[in-house]
Amino acid sequence: MKKITLKVASFLVAIVALAGFASSAFAQVYIHANGGTYWSQSGTGWNSIANDGYCVSGRGPCGSNLWYLQWSYCHYGCGYDNYAVYSMASVVGYNGDTYAWIDSSTGNMYGADYVVTYNYGSGYSATVDQSSYSESWAPIAMDKYRTSNVVESNAWGAYYACNGVSGLQVEYDEVKLEI
């Protein structure tokens, strides 16, 4: 009886391990770079830094001149001067999580404004404290169905409702969608 119990327990451990591997193996990750086909920007006063941001130190896929870090100064009060659109419409996934890469070499904006379009036209506003991230992904929108666009501006996020200071730097780098 001991041998059978041990074999069943070993078999169950193997099944649980395979189930965990299978669920992580099916996750899909899409990273959209600034400067790429699915990126557009508007406004003036853009600054860029080559060889900085997500695509450095062997993080892939690198080698394209599209991978660089951009930033601008925040807009004081209501409204914005600059904005960027990351179009995710080419990704027709399921429920997904959306993140922004924050390098922190320039991002000290504690109220960065992001708007995520999902579910065929619904909108979700997020305020991200870029100063609390360093070389990491900041969550923007979690568990949203069919994310199609991420818009980042140099406006103050909804959390601050136009009550921000001027002179802070807003970082625009890669956006990631995990489905």
N, C-alpha and C. Protein backbone atom coordinates (compact mmCIF):
# COMPACT_ATOMS: atom_id res chain seq x y z
N MET A 1 0.81 -1.19 0.00
CA MET A 1 0.00 0.00 0.00
C MET A 1 0.85 1.26 0.00
N LYS A 2 2.00 1.25 0.69
CA LYS A 2 2.88 2.41 0.74
C LYS A 2 3.40 2.76 -0.64
N LYS A 3 3.77 1.76 -1.45
CA LYS A 3 4.32 2.00 -2.78
C LYS A 3 3.27 2.65 -3.68
N ILE A 4 2.04 2.20 -3.59
CA ILE A 4 0.97 2.75 -4.43
C ILE A 4 0.70 4.20 -4.03
N THR A 5 0.63 4.50 -2.74
CA THR A 5 0.40 5.86 -2.27
C THR A 5 1.52 6.78 -2.72
N LEU A 6 2.75 6.32 -2.62
CA LEU A 6 3.90 7.11 -3.05
C LEU A 6 3.85 7.38 -4.54
N LYS A 7 3.50 6.39 -5.35
CA LYS A 7 3.42 6.57 -6.80
C LYS A 7 2.30 7.54 -7.17
N VAL A 8 1.14 7.43 -6.49
CA VAL A 8 0.04 8.34 -6.76
C VAL A 8 0.44 9.77 -6.38
N ALA A 9 1.08 9.94 -5.24
CA ALA A 9 1.52 11.27 -4.81
C ALA A 9 2.53 11.85 -5.80
N SER A 10 3.48 11.05 -6.27
CA SER A 10 4.46 11.51 -7.26
C SER A 10 3.78 11.91 -8.56
N PHE A 11 2.78 11.13 -8.96
CA PHE A 11 2.05 11.41 -10.18
C PHE A 11 1.30 12.74 -10.04
N LEU A 12 0.66 12.96 -8.89
CA LEU A 12 -0.07 14.21 -8.67
C LEU A 12 0.86 15.42 -8.67
N VAL A 13 2.04 15.29 -8.09
CA VAL A 13 3.02 16.38 -8.09
C VAL A 13 3.44 16.70 -9.53
N ALA A 14 3.63 15.66 -10.33
CA ALA A 14 4.02 15.86 -11.73
C ALA A 14 2.91 16.56 -12.51
N ILE A 15 1.65 16.19 -12.28
CA ILE A 15 0.52 16.83 -12.97
C ILE A 15 0.41 18.30 -12.58
N VAL A 16 0.54 18.62 -11.30
CA VAL A 16 0.47 20.00 -10.83
C VAL A 16 1.61 20.81 -11.45
N ALA A 17 2.80 20.25 -11.51
CA ALA A 17 3.94 20.95 -12.11
C ALA A 17 3.70 21.21 -13.58
N LEU A 18 3.17 20.23 -14.30
CA LEU A 18 2.88 20.41 -15.72
C LEU A 18 1.77 21.44 -15.95
N ALA A 19 0.77 21.43 -15.11
CA ALA A 19 -0.32 22.41 -15.23
C ALA A 19 0.21 23.82 -15.04
N GLY A 20 1.09 24.02 -14.08
CA GLY A 20 1.69 25.34 -13.88
C GLY A 20 2.54 25.76 -15.05
N PHE A 21 3.29 24.83 -15.63
CA PHE A 21 4.11 25.12 -16.80
C PHE A 21 3.24 25.46 -17.99
N ALA A 22 2.16 24.71 -18.18
CA ALA A 22 1.28 24.93 -19.33
C ALA A 22 0.62 26.29 -19.26
N SER A 23 0.17 26.71 -18.08
CA SER A 23 -0.49 28.01 -17.99
C SER A 23 0.48 29.14 -18.26
N SER A 24 1.74 29.03 -17.82
CA SER A 24 2.70 30.09 -18.10
C SER A 24 3.22 30.01 -19.53
N ALA A 25 3.20 28.82 -20.12
CA ALA A 25 3.69 28.67 -21.49
C ALA A 25 2.75 29.31 -22.49
N PHE A 26 1.46 29.43 -22.16
CA PHE A 26 0.50 29.99 -23.09
C PHE A 26 0.35 31.50 -22.97
N ALA A 27 0.97 32.12 -21.99
CA ALA A 27 0.90 33.58 -21.85
C ALA A 27 1.62 34.22 -23.03
N GLN A 28 1.01 35.26 -23.60
CA GLN A 28 1.61 35.98 -24.71
C GLN A 28 1.95 37.39 -24.25
N VAL A 29 3.11 37.86 -24.68
CA VAL A 29 3.58 39.18 -24.30
C VAL A 29 3.86 39.97 -25.58
N TYR A 30 3.31 41.17 -25.65
CA TYR A 30 3.52 42.07 -26.78
C TYR A 30 4.12 43.36 -26.24
N ILE A 31 5.27 43.75 -26.78
CA ILE A 31 5.91 44.98 -26.34
C ILE A 31 5.95 45.94 -27.52
N HIS A 32 5.40 47.14 -27.31
CA HIS A 32 5.35 48.15 -28.36
C HIS A 32 6.35 49.25 -28.03
N ALA A 33 7.25 49.49 -28.96
CA ALA A 33 8.30 50.49 -28.77
C ALA A 33 7.84 51.85 -29.26
N ASN A 34 8.38 52.90 -28.63
CA ASN A 34 8.16 54.22 -29.18
C ASN A 34 9.00 54.34 -30.46
N GLY A 35 8.43 54.98 -31.46
CA GLY A 35 9.10 55.12 -32.74
C GLY A 35 8.73 54.03 -33.73
N GLY A 36 8.02 53.01 -33.30
CA GLY A 36 7.67 51.90 -34.18
C GLY A 36 6.42 52.16 -34.99
N THR A 37 6.01 51.15 -35.73
CA THR A 37 4.83 51.23 -36.59
C THR A 37 3.58 51.53 -35.80
N TYR A 38 3.49 51.04 -34.60
CA TYR A 38 2.29 51.19 -33.79
C TYR A 38 2.39 52.32 -32.78
N TRP A 39 3.20 53.32 -33.09
CA TRP A 39 3.44 54.46 -32.20
C TRP A 39 3.23 55.74 -32.98
N SER A 40 2.57 56.71 -32.37
CA SER A 40 2.50 58.05 -32.97
C SER A 40 2.62 59.05 -31.84
N GLN A 41 3.09 60.23 -32.16
CA GLN A 41 3.28 61.25 -31.14
C GLN A 41 2.91 62.61 -31.70
N SER A 42 2.59 63.53 -30.81
CA SER A 42 2.21 64.87 -31.21
C SER A 42 2.73 65.85 -30.17
N GLY A 43 2.97 67.06 -30.61
CA GLY A 43 3.42 68.10 -29.70
C GLY A 43 4.86 68.51 -29.98
N THR A 44 5.35 69.44 -29.16
CA THR A 44 6.71 69.93 -29.31
C THR A 44 7.46 69.75 -28.00
N GLY A 45 8.74 69.96 -28.03
CA GLY A 45 9.53 69.87 -26.81
C GLY A 45 9.91 68.45 -26.43
N TRP A 46 9.97 67.56 -27.41
CA TRP A 46 10.35 66.18 -27.15
C TRP A 46 11.86 66.08 -26.97
N ASN A 47 12.28 65.23 -26.05
CA ASN A 47 13.69 64.93 -25.84
C ASN A 47 13.87 63.42 -25.96
N SER A 48 15.00 63.00 -26.50
CA SER A 48 15.22 61.56 -26.62
C SER A 48 16.64 61.20 -26.21
N ILE A 49 16.77 59.98 -25.74
CA ILE A 49 18.06 59.44 -25.32
C ILE A 49 18.25 58.11 -26.03
N ALA A 50 19.29 58.00 -26.86
CA ALA A 50 19.57 56.75 -27.55
C ALA A 50 20.17 55.74 -26.58
N ASN A 51 19.98 54.49 -26.87
CA ASN A 51 20.54 53.39 -26.07
C ASN A 51 20.14 53.47 -24.60
N ASP A 52 18.90 53.83 -24.36
CA ASP A 52 18.40 53.88 -22.99
C ASP A 52 16.97 53.37 -23.00
N GLY A 53 16.45 53.05 -21.85
CA GLY A 53 15.10 52.53 -21.76
C GLY A 53 15.08 51.03 -21.66
N TYR A 54 13.99 50.42 -22.11
CA TYR A 54 13.81 48.98 -21.95
C TYR A 54 14.85 48.18 -22.72
N CYS A 55 15.16 48.59 -23.92
CA CYS A 55 16.00 47.77 -24.79
C CYS A 55 17.48 48.07 -24.60
N VAL A 56 17.98 47.76 -23.43
CA VAL A 56 19.40 47.85 -23.15
C VAL A 56 19.79 46.63 -22.32
N SER A 57 21.05 46.38 -22.20
CA SER A 57 21.58 45.31 -21.36
C SER A 57 21.01 43.94 -21.71
N GLY A 58 20.84 43.67 -23.00
CA GLY A 58 20.42 42.35 -23.41
C GLY A 58 18.94 42.08 -23.32
N ARG A 59 18.12 43.05 -22.92
CA ARG A 59 16.68 42.83 -22.97
C ARG A 59 16.28 42.88 -24.43
N GLY A 60 15.55 41.95 -24.91
CA GLY A 60 15.30 41.91 -26.34
C GLY A 60 13.88 42.27 -26.70
N PRO A 61 13.56 42.27 -27.97
CA PRO A 61 14.48 42.19 -29.09
C PRO A 61 15.12 43.54 -29.37
N CYS A 62 16.43 43.61 -29.36
CA CYS A 62 17.14 44.87 -29.55
C CYS A 62 17.73 44.93 -30.96
N GLY A 63 18.42 45.99 -31.24
CA GLY A 63 19.09 46.12 -32.53
C GLY A 63 18.39 47.08 -33.48
N SER A 64 17.20 47.52 -33.16
CA SER A 64 16.48 48.43 -34.03
C SER A 64 16.72 49.86 -33.56
N ASN A 65 16.74 50.79 -34.51
CA ASN A 65 16.89 52.19 -34.12
C ASN A 65 15.60 52.76 -33.55
N LEU A 66 14.56 51.92 -33.45
CA LEU A 66 13.29 52.38 -32.90
C LEU A 66 13.26 52.33 -31.38
N TRP A 67 14.20 51.65 -30.78
CA TRP A 67 14.18 51.47 -29.33
C TRP A 67 15.01 52.57 -28.68
N TYR A 68 14.35 53.54 -28.13
CA TYR A 68 15.03 54.63 -27.44
C TYR A 68 14.06 55.20 -26.40
N LEU A 69 14.57 56.03 -25.55
CA LEU A 69 13.77 56.63 -24.49
C LEU A 69 13.43 58.06 -24.88
N GLN A 70 12.18 58.47 -24.66
CA GLN A 70 11.78 59.85 -24.89
C GLN A 70 11.18 60.42 -23.61
N TRP A 71 11.26 61.73 -23.49
CA TRP A 71 10.64 62.41 -22.36
C TRP A 71 10.31 63.83 -22.74
N SER A 72 9.39 64.42 -21.96
CA SER A 72 9.05 65.83 -22.12
C SER A 72 8.72 66.37 -20.73
N TYR A 73 8.63 67.68 -20.63
CA TYR A 73 8.24 68.27 -19.36
C TYR A 73 6.74 68.20 -19.20
N CYS A 74 6.29 68.10 -17.96
CA CYS A 74 4.85 68.04 -17.70
C CYS A 74 4.21 69.38 -18.02
N HIS A 75 2.92 69.34 -18.22
CA HIS A 75 2.13 70.54 -18.49
C HIS A 75 1.54 71.02 -17.17
N TYR A 76 1.72 72.27 -16.88
CA TYR A 76 1.19 72.83 -15.63
C TYR A 76 -0.32 73.05 -15.77
N GLY A 77 -1.07 72.67 -14.77
CA GLY A 77 -2.52 72.87 -14.78
C GLY A 77 -3.23 71.82 -15.61
N CYS A 78 -4.37 72.20 -16.19
CA CYS A 78 -5.18 71.26 -16.99
C CYS A 78 -4.68 71.20 -18.43
N GLY A 79 -4.94 70.10 -19.08
CA GLY A 79 -4.57 69.94 -20.47
C GLY A 79 -3.20 69.32 -20.64
N TYR A 80 -2.73 69.31 -21.88
CA TYR A 80 -1.43 68.72 -22.20
C TYR A 80 -0.86 69.37 -23.45
N ASP A 81 0.45 69.28 -23.59
CA ASP A 81 1.14 69.77 -24.78
C ASP A 81 1.56 68.62 -25.68
N ASN A 82 2.00 67.53 -25.07
CA ASN A 82 2.50 66.37 -25.80
C ASN A 82 1.68 65.14 -25.45
N TYR A 83 1.54 64.27 -26.43
CA TYR A 83 0.96 62.97 -26.15
C TYR A 83 1.50 61.94 -27.13
N ALA A 84 1.43 60.70 -26.72
CA ALA A 84 1.87 59.58 -27.55
C ALA A 84 0.80 58.51 -27.51
N VAL A 85 0.63 57.82 -28.64
CA VAL A 85 -0.36 56.75 -28.75
C VAL A 85 0.37 55.47 -29.11
N TYR A 86 0.17 54.45 -28.30
CA TYR A 86 0.66 53.10 -28.59
C TYR A 86 -0.56 52.32 -29.08
N SER A 87 -0.59 51.94 -30.35
CA SER A 87 -1.73 51.24 -30.90
C SER A 87 -1.55 49.74 -30.74
N MET A 88 -2.46 49.13 -30.00
CA MET A 88 -2.40 47.69 -29.76
C MET A 88 -3.47 46.97 -30.56
N ALA A 89 -4.11 47.65 -31.51
CA ALA A 89 -5.22 47.06 -32.25
C ALA A 89 -4.80 45.82 -33.02
N SER A 90 -3.51 45.67 -33.32
CA SER A 90 -3.05 44.49 -34.04
C SER A 90 -3.06 43.25 -33.16
N VAL A 91 -3.20 43.44 -31.86
CA VAL A 91 -3.23 42.33 -30.92
C VAL A 91 -4.68 42.07 -30.53
N VAL A 92 -5.23 40.99 -31.04
CA VAL A 92 -6.63 40.68 -30.72
C VAL A 92 -6.66 39.57 -29.69
N GLY A 93 -6.32 39.91 -28.47
CA GLY A 93 -6.20 38.92 -27.43
C GLY A 93 -7.45 38.79 -26.60
N TYR A 94 -7.24 38.36 -25.44
CA TYR A 94 -8.32 38.15 -24.48
C TYR A 94 -8.11 39.15 -23.35
N ASN A 95 -8.51 38.80 -22.15
CA ASN A 95 -8.25 39.69 -21.02
C ASN A 95 -6.75 39.84 -20.86
N GLY A 96 -6.30 41.06 -20.64
CA GLY A 96 -4.87 41.28 -20.54
C GLY A 96 -4.52 42.35 -19.53
N ASP A 97 -3.24 42.38 -19.20
CA ASP A 97 -2.67 43.36 -18.29
C ASP A 97 -1.74 44.27 -19.08
N THR A 98 -1.83 45.57 -18.84
CA THR A 98 -1.04 46.54 -19.58
C THR A 98 -0.08 47.25 -18.64
N TYR A 99 1.17 47.39 -19.08
CA TYR A 99 2.24 47.98 -18.27
C TYR A 99 3.00 49.01 -19.09
N ALA A 100 3.65 49.95 -18.41
CA ALA A 100 4.56 50.91 -19.04
C ALA A 100 5.95 50.70 -18.44
N TRP A 101 6.97 50.71 -19.29
CA TRP A 101 8.35 50.58 -18.81
C TRP A 101 8.80 51.94 -18.29
N ILE A 102 9.29 51.97 -17.07
CA ILE A 102 9.81 53.20 -16.47
C ILE A 102 11.29 52.99 -16.22
N ASP A 103 12.09 53.78 -16.91
CA ASP A 103 13.53 53.66 -16.82
C ASP A 103 14.07 54.41 -15.60
N SER A 104 13.49 55.53 -15.31
CA SER A 104 13.80 56.44 -14.20
C SER A 104 15.03 57.30 -14.43
N SER A 105 15.68 57.17 -15.59
CA SER A 105 16.78 58.09 -15.83
C SER A 105 16.24 59.50 -16.09
N THR A 106 14.99 59.59 -16.51
CA THR A 106 14.37 60.90 -16.75
C THR A 106 13.01 61.05 -16.07
N GLY A 107 12.31 59.98 -15.78
CA GLY A 107 10.93 60.06 -15.28
C GLY A 107 10.83 60.38 -13.81
N ASN A 108 10.50 61.62 -13.48
CA ASN A 108 10.26 61.97 -12.08
C ASN A 108 8.85 62.53 -11.90
N MET A 109 7.99 62.32 -12.89
CA MET A 109 6.61 62.77 -12.83
C MET A 109 5.82 61.86 -11.90
N TYR A 110 5.31 62.41 -10.82
CA TYR A 110 4.61 61.56 -9.86
C TYR A 110 3.12 61.45 -10.17
N GLY A 111 2.66 62.08 -11.23
CA GLY A 111 1.25 61.98 -11.61
C GLY A 111 1.06 61.79 -13.10
N ALA A 112 1.83 60.90 -13.71
CA ALA A 112 1.78 60.70 -15.17
C ALA A 112 0.42 60.16 -15.59
N ASP A 113 -0.10 60.69 -16.69
CA ASP A 113 -1.44 60.39 -17.17
C ASP A 113 -1.41 59.35 -18.30
N TYR A 114 -2.15 58.26 -18.10
CA TYR A 114 -2.33 57.22 -19.11
C TYR A 114 -3.82 56.97 -19.28
N VAL A 115 -4.26 56.79 -20.53
CA VAL A 115 -5.63 56.39 -20.82
C VAL A 115 -5.57 55.15 -21.68
N VAL A 116 -6.24 54.09 -21.24
CA VAL A 116 -6.26 52.81 -21.94
C VAL A 116 -7.64 52.62 -22.56
N THR A 117 -7.66 52.35 -23.87
CA THR A 117 -8.90 52.03 -24.56
C THR A 117 -9.01 50.51 -24.63
N TYR A 118 -10.17 49.98 -24.24
CA TYR A 118 -10.37 48.53 -24.23
C TYR A 118 -11.83 48.23 -24.54
N ASN A 119 -12.13 46.96 -24.77
CA ASN A 119 -13.51 46.49 -24.96
C ASN A 119 -14.25 47.30 -26.01
N TYR A 120 -13.61 47.50 -27.16
CA TYR A 120 -14.24 48.17 -28.30
C TYR A 120 -14.69 49.59 -28.00
N GLY A 121 -13.93 50.34 -27.20
CA GLY A 121 -14.22 51.75 -27.01
C GLY A 121 -14.36 52.23 -25.58
N SER A 122 -14.32 51.35 -24.60
CA SER A 122 -14.35 51.78 -23.21
C SER A 122 -13.00 52.39 -22.84
N GLY A 123 -12.99 53.30 -21.88
CA GLY A 123 -11.75 53.94 -21.48
C GLY A 123 -11.46 53.76 -20.00
N TYR A 124 -10.18 53.66 -19.69
CA TYR A 124 -9.74 53.54 -18.31
C TYR A 124 -8.58 54.50 -18.10
N SER A 125 -8.68 55.39 -17.11
CA SER A 125 -7.63 56.36 -16.82
C SER A 125 -6.77 55.88 -15.67
N ALA A 126 -5.47 56.04 -15.81
CA ALA A 126 -4.55 55.62 -14.77
C ALA A 126 -3.55 56.75 -14.50
N THR A 127 -3.23 56.92 -13.23
CA THR A 127 -2.21 57.86 -12.82
C THR A 127 -1.04 57.05 -12.28
N VAL A 128 0.15 57.26 -12.84
CA VAL A 128 1.33 56.48 -12.45
C VAL A 128 2.38 57.41 -11.85
N ASP A 129 2.88 57.02 -10.71
CA ASP A 129 3.99 57.74 -10.08
C ASP A 129 5.29 57.19 -10.68
N GLN A 130 5.77 57.83 -11.75
CA GLN A 130 6.97 57.35 -12.43
C GLN A 130 8.20 57.44 -11.53
N SER A 131 8.17 58.32 -10.55
CA SER A 131 9.35 58.47 -9.68
C SER A 131 9.52 57.28 -8.74
N SER A 132 8.49 56.43 -8.59
CA SER A 132 8.65 55.27 -7.70
C SER A 132 9.09 54.01 -8.42
N TYR A 133 9.37 54.09 -9.72
CA TYR A 133 9.82 52.93 -10.48
C TYR A 133 11.22 53.18 -11.00
N SER A 134 11.99 52.12 -11.08
CA SER A 134 13.34 52.20 -11.63
C SER A 134 13.64 50.90 -12.36
N GLU A 135 13.82 51.01 -13.68
CA GLU A 135 14.11 49.84 -14.49
C GLU A 135 13.08 48.74 -14.26
N SER A 136 11.78 49.10 -14.34
CA SER A 136 10.75 48.11 -14.10
C SER A 136 9.45 48.49 -14.81
N TRP A 137 8.54 47.53 -14.88
CA TRP A 137 7.24 47.73 -15.49
C TRP A 137 6.26 48.27 -14.45
N ALA A 138 5.58 49.35 -14.78
CA ALA A 138 4.55 49.92 -13.92
C ALA A 138 3.19 49.47 -14.44
N PRO A 139 2.34 48.91 -13.59
CA PRO A 139 1.01 48.50 -14.06
C PRO A 139 0.15 49.71 -14.40
N ILE A 140 -0.54 49.63 -15.54
CA ILE A 140 -1.43 50.70 -15.97
C ILE A 140 -2.89 50.25 -15.88
N ALA A 141 -3.19 49.13 -16.48
CA ALA A 141 -4.57 48.61 -16.49
C ALA A 141 -4.50 47.10 -16.38
N MET A 142 -5.19 46.55 -15.40
CA MET A 142 -5.15 45.12 -15.17
C MET A 142 -6.48 44.48 -15.57
N ASP A 143 -6.37 43.32 -16.23
CA ASP A 143 -7.52 42.50 -16.58
C ASP A 143 -8.55 43.26 -17.40
N LYS A 144 -8.08 43.90 -18.47
CA LYS A 144 -9.00 44.60 -19.37
C LYS A 144 -9.15 43.77 -20.64
N TYR A 145 -10.36 43.70 -21.17
CA TYR A 145 -10.65 42.91 -22.36
C TYR A 145 -10.27 43.68 -23.62
N ARG A 146 -9.47 43.06 -24.43
CA ARG A 146 -9.08 43.56 -25.75
C ARG A 146 -8.61 45.02 -25.72
N THR A 147 -7.48 45.24 -25.09
CA THR A 147 -6.86 46.57 -25.07
C THR A 147 -6.45 46.95 -26.49
N SER A 148 -6.86 48.14 -26.95
CA SER A 148 -6.54 48.54 -28.31
C SER A 148 -5.61 49.74 -28.39
N ASN A 149 -5.60 50.61 -27.40
CA ASN A 149 -4.72 51.79 -27.41
C ASN A 149 -4.30 52.15 -26.00
N VAL A 150 -3.10 52.69 -25.91
CA VAL A 150 -2.63 53.34 -24.68
C VAL A 150 -2.18 54.73 -25.08
N VAL A 151 -2.75 55.74 -24.45
CA VAL A 151 -2.37 57.13 -24.71
C VAL A 151 -1.71 57.67 -23.45
N GLU A 152 -0.52 58.19 -23.62
CA GLU A 152 0.20 58.83 -22.51
C GLU A 152 0.40 60.29 -22.88
N SER A 153 0.18 61.16 -21.93
CA SER A 153 0.38 62.58 -22.19
C SER A 153 1.22 63.20 -21.09
N ASN A 154 1.59 64.46 -21.31
CA ASN A 154 2.32 65.16 -20.25
C ASN A 154 1.36 65.93 -19.35
N ALA A 155 0.10 65.49 -19.33
CA ALA A 155 -0.90 66.06 -18.43
C ALA A 155 -0.78 65.41 -17.06
N TRP A 156 -1.44 66.02 -16.09
CA TRP A 156 -1.56 65.41 -14.78
C TRP A 156 -2.66 64.39 -14.82
N GLY A 157 -2.43 63.22 -14.26
CA GLY A 157 -3.40 62.14 -14.26
C GLY A 157 -4.66 62.49 -13.49
N ALA A 158 -5.69 61.68 -13.69
CA ALA A 158 -7.00 61.91 -13.08
C ALA A 158 -6.93 62.02 -11.56
N TYR A 159 -5.99 61.36 -10.95
CA TYR A 159 -5.85 61.38 -9.50
C TYR A 159 -5.56 62.80 -8.99
N TYR A 160 -4.88 63.61 -9.81
CA TYR A 160 -4.50 64.96 -9.39
C TYR A 160 -5.43 66.05 -9.91
N ALA A 161 -6.27 65.76 -10.85
CA ALA A 161 -7.27 66.70 -11.38
C ALA A 161 -6.72 68.10 -11.60
N CYS A 162 -5.66 68.19 -12.36
CA CYS A 162 -5.06 69.46 -12.78
C CYS A 162 -4.32 70.20 -11.66
N ASN A 163 -4.11 69.59 -10.54
CA ASN A 163 -3.46 70.28 -9.42
C ASN A 163 -1.99 69.89 -9.29
N GLY A 164 -1.25 70.04 -10.36
CA GLY A 164 0.15 69.66 -10.32
C GLY A 164 1.08 70.83 -10.49
N VAL A 165 2.34 70.57 -10.27
CA VAL A 165 3.38 71.59 -10.44
C VAL A 165 4.00 71.45 -11.82
N SER A 166 4.81 72.40 -12.21
CA SER A 166 5.48 72.31 -13.50
C SER A 166 6.93 71.90 -13.30
N GLY A 167 7.59 71.55 -14.40
CA GLY A 167 9.02 71.26 -14.36
C GLY A 167 9.39 69.81 -14.18
N LEU A 168 8.41 68.91 -13.97
CA LEU A 168 8.74 67.49 -13.83
C LEU A 168 8.84 66.85 -15.21
N GLN A 169 9.58 65.76 -15.29
CA GLN A 169 9.79 65.09 -16.57
C GLN A 169 8.92 63.85 -16.68
N VAL A 170 8.22 63.74 -17.81
CA VAL A 170 7.35 62.60 -18.11
C VAL A 170 8.10 61.69 -19.07
N GLU A 171 8.21 60.44 -18.72
CA GLU A 171 8.96 59.47 -19.52
C GLU A 171 8.03 58.68 -20.42
N TYR A 172 8.40 58.54 -21.68
CA TYR A 172 7.66 57.75 -22.66
C TYR A 172 8.60 56.65 -23.14
N ASP A 173 8.30 55.43 -22.78
CA ASP A 173 9.12 54.32 -23.24
C ASP A 173 8.18 53.19 -23.67
N GLU A 174 8.62 51.98 -23.67
CA GLU A 174 7.82 50.88 -24.18
C GLU A 174 6.58 50.61 -23.33
N VAL A 175 5.57 50.03 -23.98
CA VAL A 175 4.35 49.58 -23.33
C VAL A 175 4.21 48.10 -23.60
N LYS A 176 3.79 47.35 -22.57
CA LYS A 176 3.68 45.89 -22.68
C LYS A 176 2.23 45.46 -22.42
N LEU A 177 1.77 44.51 -23.23
CA LEU A 177 0.47 43.89 -23.04
C LEU A 177 0.70 42.40 -22.83
N GLU A 178 0.22 41.88 -21.71
CA GLU A 178 0.29 40.44 -21.43
C GLU A 178 -1.11 39.87 -21.49
N ILE A 179 -1.29 38.86 -22.35
CA ILE A 179 -2.60 38.20 -22.42
C ILE A 179 -2.46 36.72 -22.15
